[in-house]
Amino acid sequence: MITVRFFAAAREAAGTDQAQFDCASVADLHEQLAGRFGARMSQVLAASSLLCAGTRLGDDDELPDRSELDVLPPFAGG
């Protein structure tokens, strides 16, 4: 199981601050996130970074079991 923590717009799209998934790669996770949370989550994911232990992941990366991932949309600021 993978634990995914959502921040900012990702949390709004998911309606929760975290969820668990059973997947082997980032591409699988993206599919499952969109399937569970819908089109808004797909839009947020397109602009977000996915981090595991502070390292940015790409679609081809594998996800070890019991990973904790953060979905970080771009933050506005000034």
N, C-alpha and C. Protein backbone atom coordinates (compact mmCIF):
# COMPACT_ATOMS: atom_id res chain seq x y z
N MET A 1 0.83 -1.19 0.00
CA MET A 1 0.00 0.00 0.00
C MET A 1 0.87 1.25 0.00
N ILE A 2 0.43 2.23 -0.73
CA ILE A 2 1.09 3.52 -0.82
C ILE A 2 0.19 4.55 -0.13
N THR A 3 0.76 5.38 0.72
CA THR A 3 0.01 6.47 1.33
C THR A 3 0.31 7.74 0.56
N VAL A 4 -0.75 8.43 0.13
CA VAL A 4 -0.60 9.67 -0.62
C VAL A 4 -1.17 10.80 0.22
N ARG A 5 -0.36 11.83 0.42
CA ARG A 5 -0.80 13.01 1.15
C ARG A 5 -1.05 14.14 0.14
N PHE A 6 -2.17 14.81 0.31
CA PHE A 6 -2.58 15.86 -0.62
C PHE A 6 -2.44 17.22 0.05
N PHE A 7 -1.97 18.20 -0.72
CA PHE A 7 -1.79 19.55 -0.22
C PHE A 7 -2.50 20.53 -1.15
N ALA A 8 -2.97 21.63 -0.57
CA ALA A 8 -3.58 22.75 -1.31
C ALA A 8 -4.66 22.27 -2.27
N ALA A 9 -4.55 22.60 -3.56
CA ALA A 9 -5.59 22.26 -4.55
C ALA A 9 -5.80 20.75 -4.66
N ALA A 10 -4.75 19.97 -4.43
CA ALA A 10 -4.90 18.51 -4.48
C ALA A 10 -5.80 18.03 -3.35
N ARG A 11 -5.67 18.63 -2.18
CA ARG A 11 -6.53 18.27 -1.05
C ARG A 11 -7.98 18.65 -1.36
N GLU A 12 -8.17 19.79 -1.97
CA GLU A 12 -9.53 20.21 -2.36
C GLU A 12 -10.13 19.24 -3.37
N ALA A 13 -9.36 18.84 -4.36
CA ALA A 13 -9.84 17.93 -5.40
C ALA A 13 -10.16 16.55 -4.82
N ALA A 14 -9.37 16.11 -3.84
CA ALA A 14 -9.57 14.79 -3.25
C ALA A 14 -10.65 14.81 -2.17
N GLY A 15 -10.84 15.95 -1.54
CA GLY A 15 -11.80 16.02 -0.44
C GLY A 15 -11.27 15.36 0.83
N THR A 16 -9.97 15.14 0.90
CA THR A 16 -9.34 14.53 2.06
C THR A 16 -7.87 14.92 2.05
N ASP A 17 -7.20 14.73 3.19
CA ASP A 17 -5.78 15.08 3.23
C ASP A 17 -4.87 13.91 2.92
N GLN A 18 -5.41 12.67 2.90
CA GLN A 18 -4.60 11.53 2.49
C GLN A 18 -5.48 10.35 2.10
N ALA A 19 -4.89 9.44 1.34
CA ALA A 19 -5.59 8.22 0.90
C ALA A 19 -4.54 7.15 0.63
N GLN A 20 -4.99 5.91 0.57
CA GLN A 20 -4.08 4.80 0.30
C GLN A 20 -4.44 4.13 -1.01
N PHE A 21 -3.39 3.65 -1.70
CA PHE A 21 -3.55 3.02 -3.00
C PHE A 21 -2.64 1.81 -3.08
N ASP A 22 -3.04 0.85 -3.90
CA ASP A 22 -2.21 -0.31 -4.18
C ASP A 22 -1.77 -0.20 -5.63
N CYS A 23 -0.54 0.27 -5.85
CA CYS A 23 -0.03 0.46 -7.20
C CYS A 23 1.49 0.30 -7.21
N ALA A 24 2.02 0.04 -8.38
CA ALA A 24 3.45 -0.24 -8.50
C ALA A 24 4.26 0.88 -9.11
N SER A 25 3.59 1.82 -9.80
CA SER A 25 4.33 2.89 -10.46
C SER A 25 3.57 4.21 -10.34
N VAL A 26 4.26 5.28 -10.64
CA VAL A 26 3.64 6.60 -10.63
C VAL A 26 2.52 6.66 -11.68
N ALA A 27 2.74 6.08 -12.84
CA ALA A 27 1.70 6.08 -13.89
C ALA A 27 0.44 5.37 -13.38
N ASP A 28 0.61 4.23 -12.70
CA ASP A 28 -0.54 3.53 -12.12
C ASP A 28 -1.23 4.40 -11.09
N LEU A 29 -0.45 5.08 -10.27
CA LEU A 29 -1.03 5.94 -9.25
C LEU A 29 -1.85 7.06 -9.87
N HIS A 30 -1.32 7.70 -10.90
CA HIS A 30 -2.06 8.77 -11.59
C HIS A 30 -3.42 8.25 -12.07
N GLU A 31 -3.42 7.06 -12.66
CA GLU A 31 -4.66 6.46 -13.15
C GLU A 31 -5.65 6.24 -12.01
N GLN A 32 -5.16 5.71 -10.91
CA GLN A 32 -6.03 5.43 -9.78
C GLN A 32 -6.54 6.71 -9.13
N LEU A 33 -5.69 7.73 -9.04
CA LEU A 33 -6.13 9.01 -8.49
C LEU A 33 -7.24 9.61 -9.33
N ALA A 34 -7.05 9.62 -10.64
CA ALA A 34 -8.08 10.17 -11.54
C ALA A 34 -9.36 9.35 -11.47
N GLY A 35 -9.23 8.02 -11.37
CA GLY A 35 -10.40 7.17 -11.27
C GLY A 35 -11.18 7.39 -10.00
N ARG A 36 -10.48 7.59 -8.91
CA ARG A 36 -11.17 7.76 -7.63
C ARG A 36 -11.71 9.17 -7.43
N PHE A 37 -10.94 10.19 -7.87
CA PHE A 37 -11.29 11.56 -7.55
C PHE A 37 -11.76 12.39 -8.74
N GLY A 38 -11.67 11.88 -9.96
CA GLY A 38 -12.27 12.54 -11.10
C GLY A 38 -11.40 13.53 -11.86
N ALA A 39 -12.07 14.25 -12.75
CA ALA A 39 -11.41 15.15 -13.70
C ALA A 39 -10.64 16.28 -13.01
N ARG A 40 -11.19 16.80 -11.93
CA ARG A 40 -10.49 17.90 -11.24
C ARG A 40 -9.13 17.43 -10.74
N MET A 41 -9.06 16.20 -10.22
CA MET A 41 -7.78 15.68 -9.75
C MET A 41 -6.81 15.53 -10.92
N SER A 42 -7.30 15.09 -12.07
CA SER A 42 -6.44 14.97 -13.25
C SER A 42 -5.82 16.31 -13.61
N GLN A 43 -6.61 17.38 -13.53
CA GLN A 43 -6.11 18.72 -13.83
C GLN A 43 -5.04 19.14 -12.82
N VAL A 44 -5.30 18.87 -11.56
CA VAL A 44 -4.35 19.23 -10.51
C VAL A 44 -3.05 18.44 -10.69
N LEU A 45 -3.16 17.15 -10.98
CA LEU A 45 -1.97 16.31 -11.15
C LEU A 45 -1.10 16.79 -12.30
N ALA A 46 -1.72 17.29 -13.36
CA ALA A 46 -0.97 17.76 -14.53
C ALA A 46 -0.01 18.89 -14.18
N ALA A 47 -0.35 19.66 -13.14
CA ALA A 47 0.48 20.79 -12.75
C ALA A 47 1.28 20.54 -11.48
N SER A 48 1.11 19.38 -10.86
CA SER A 48 1.69 19.10 -9.55
C SER A 48 3.01 18.34 -9.63
N SER A 49 3.74 18.41 -8.53
CA SER A 49 4.91 17.58 -8.33
C SER A 49 4.53 16.45 -7.39
N LEU A 50 5.08 15.29 -7.63
CA LEU A 50 4.87 14.14 -6.76
C LEU A 50 6.21 13.83 -6.11
N LEU A 51 6.26 13.90 -4.79
CA LEU A 51 7.51 13.72 -4.06
C LEU A 51 7.45 12.50 -3.15
N CYS A 52 8.58 11.80 -3.08
CA CYS A 52 8.74 10.68 -2.16
C CYS A 52 10.06 10.93 -1.43
N ALA A 53 9.98 11.12 -0.11
CA ALA A 53 11.17 11.41 0.69
C ALA A 53 11.97 12.58 0.12
N GLY A 54 11.25 13.60 -0.37
CA GLY A 54 11.89 14.80 -0.89
C GLY A 54 12.40 14.71 -2.31
N THR A 55 12.22 13.57 -2.95
CA THR A 55 12.67 13.38 -4.33
C THR A 55 11.48 13.43 -5.27
N ARG A 56 11.61 14.24 -6.31
CA ARG A 56 10.54 14.35 -7.30
C ARG A 56 10.50 13.09 -8.16
N LEU A 57 9.30 12.57 -8.37
CA LEU A 57 9.11 11.34 -9.15
C LEU A 57 8.52 11.65 -10.52
N GLY A 58 8.86 10.80 -11.49
CA GLY A 58 8.29 10.88 -12.83
C GLY A 58 7.37 9.69 -13.08
N ASP A 59 6.63 9.72 -14.17
CA ASP A 59 5.66 8.67 -14.48
C ASP A 59 6.27 7.28 -14.57
N ASP A 60 7.53 7.17 -14.96
CA ASP A 60 8.16 5.86 -15.12
C ASP A 60 8.72 5.29 -13.81
N ASP A 61 8.71 6.08 -12.76
CA ASP A 61 9.28 5.61 -11.50
C ASP A 61 8.39 4.57 -10.83
N GLU A 62 9.05 3.60 -10.21
CA GLU A 62 8.35 2.57 -9.46
C GLU A 62 8.13 3.06 -8.03
N LEU A 63 7.10 2.49 -7.39
CA LEU A 63 6.77 2.87 -6.03
C LEU A 63 6.93 1.68 -5.10
N PRO A 64 7.90 1.72 -4.21
CA PRO A 64 8.04 0.63 -3.26
C PRO A 64 6.85 0.59 -2.31
N ASP A 65 6.49 -0.61 -1.90
CA ASP A 65 5.39 -0.77 -0.95
C ASP A 65 5.68 0.05 0.31
N ARG A 66 4.64 0.61 0.87
CA ARG A 66 4.68 1.42 2.09
C ARG A 66 5.33 2.79 1.88
N SER A 67 5.41 3.22 0.64
CA SER A 67 5.92 4.56 0.36
C SER A 67 4.91 5.59 0.85
N GLU A 68 5.42 6.76 1.20
CA GLU A 68 4.57 7.91 1.49
C GLU A 68 4.90 8.97 0.46
N LEU A 69 3.89 9.40 -0.27
CA LEU A 69 4.06 10.37 -1.35
C LEU A 69 3.29 11.64 -1.04
N ASP A 70 3.81 12.75 -1.51
CA ASP A 70 3.14 14.03 -1.38
C ASP A 70 2.79 14.57 -2.74
N VAL A 71 1.55 15.01 -2.91
CA VAL A 71 1.11 15.67 -4.14
C VAL A 71 1.12 17.17 -3.85
N LEU A 72 2.05 17.87 -4.51
CA LEU A 72 2.24 19.30 -4.25
C LEU A 72 1.94 20.11 -5.50
N PRO A 73 0.76 20.74 -5.53
CA PRO A 73 0.45 21.64 -6.64
C PRO A 73 1.34 22.88 -6.55
N PRO A 74 1.45 23.63 -7.63
CA PRO A 74 2.22 24.87 -7.56
C PRO A 74 1.56 25.81 -6.55
N PHE A 75 2.38 26.49 -5.79
CA PHE A 75 1.87 27.42 -4.79
C PHE A 75 1.98 28.84 -5.32
N ALA A 76 0.95 29.63 -5.06
CA ALA A 76 0.98 31.04 -5.41
C ALA A 76 1.61 31.78 -4.23
N GLY A 77 2.24 32.85 -4.51
CA GLY A 77 2.84 33.61 -3.41
C GLY A 77 3.43 34.90 -3.90
N GLY A 78 3.90 35.63 -2.97
CA GLY A 78 4.48 36.89 -3.36
C GLY A 78 5.44 37.39 -2.34
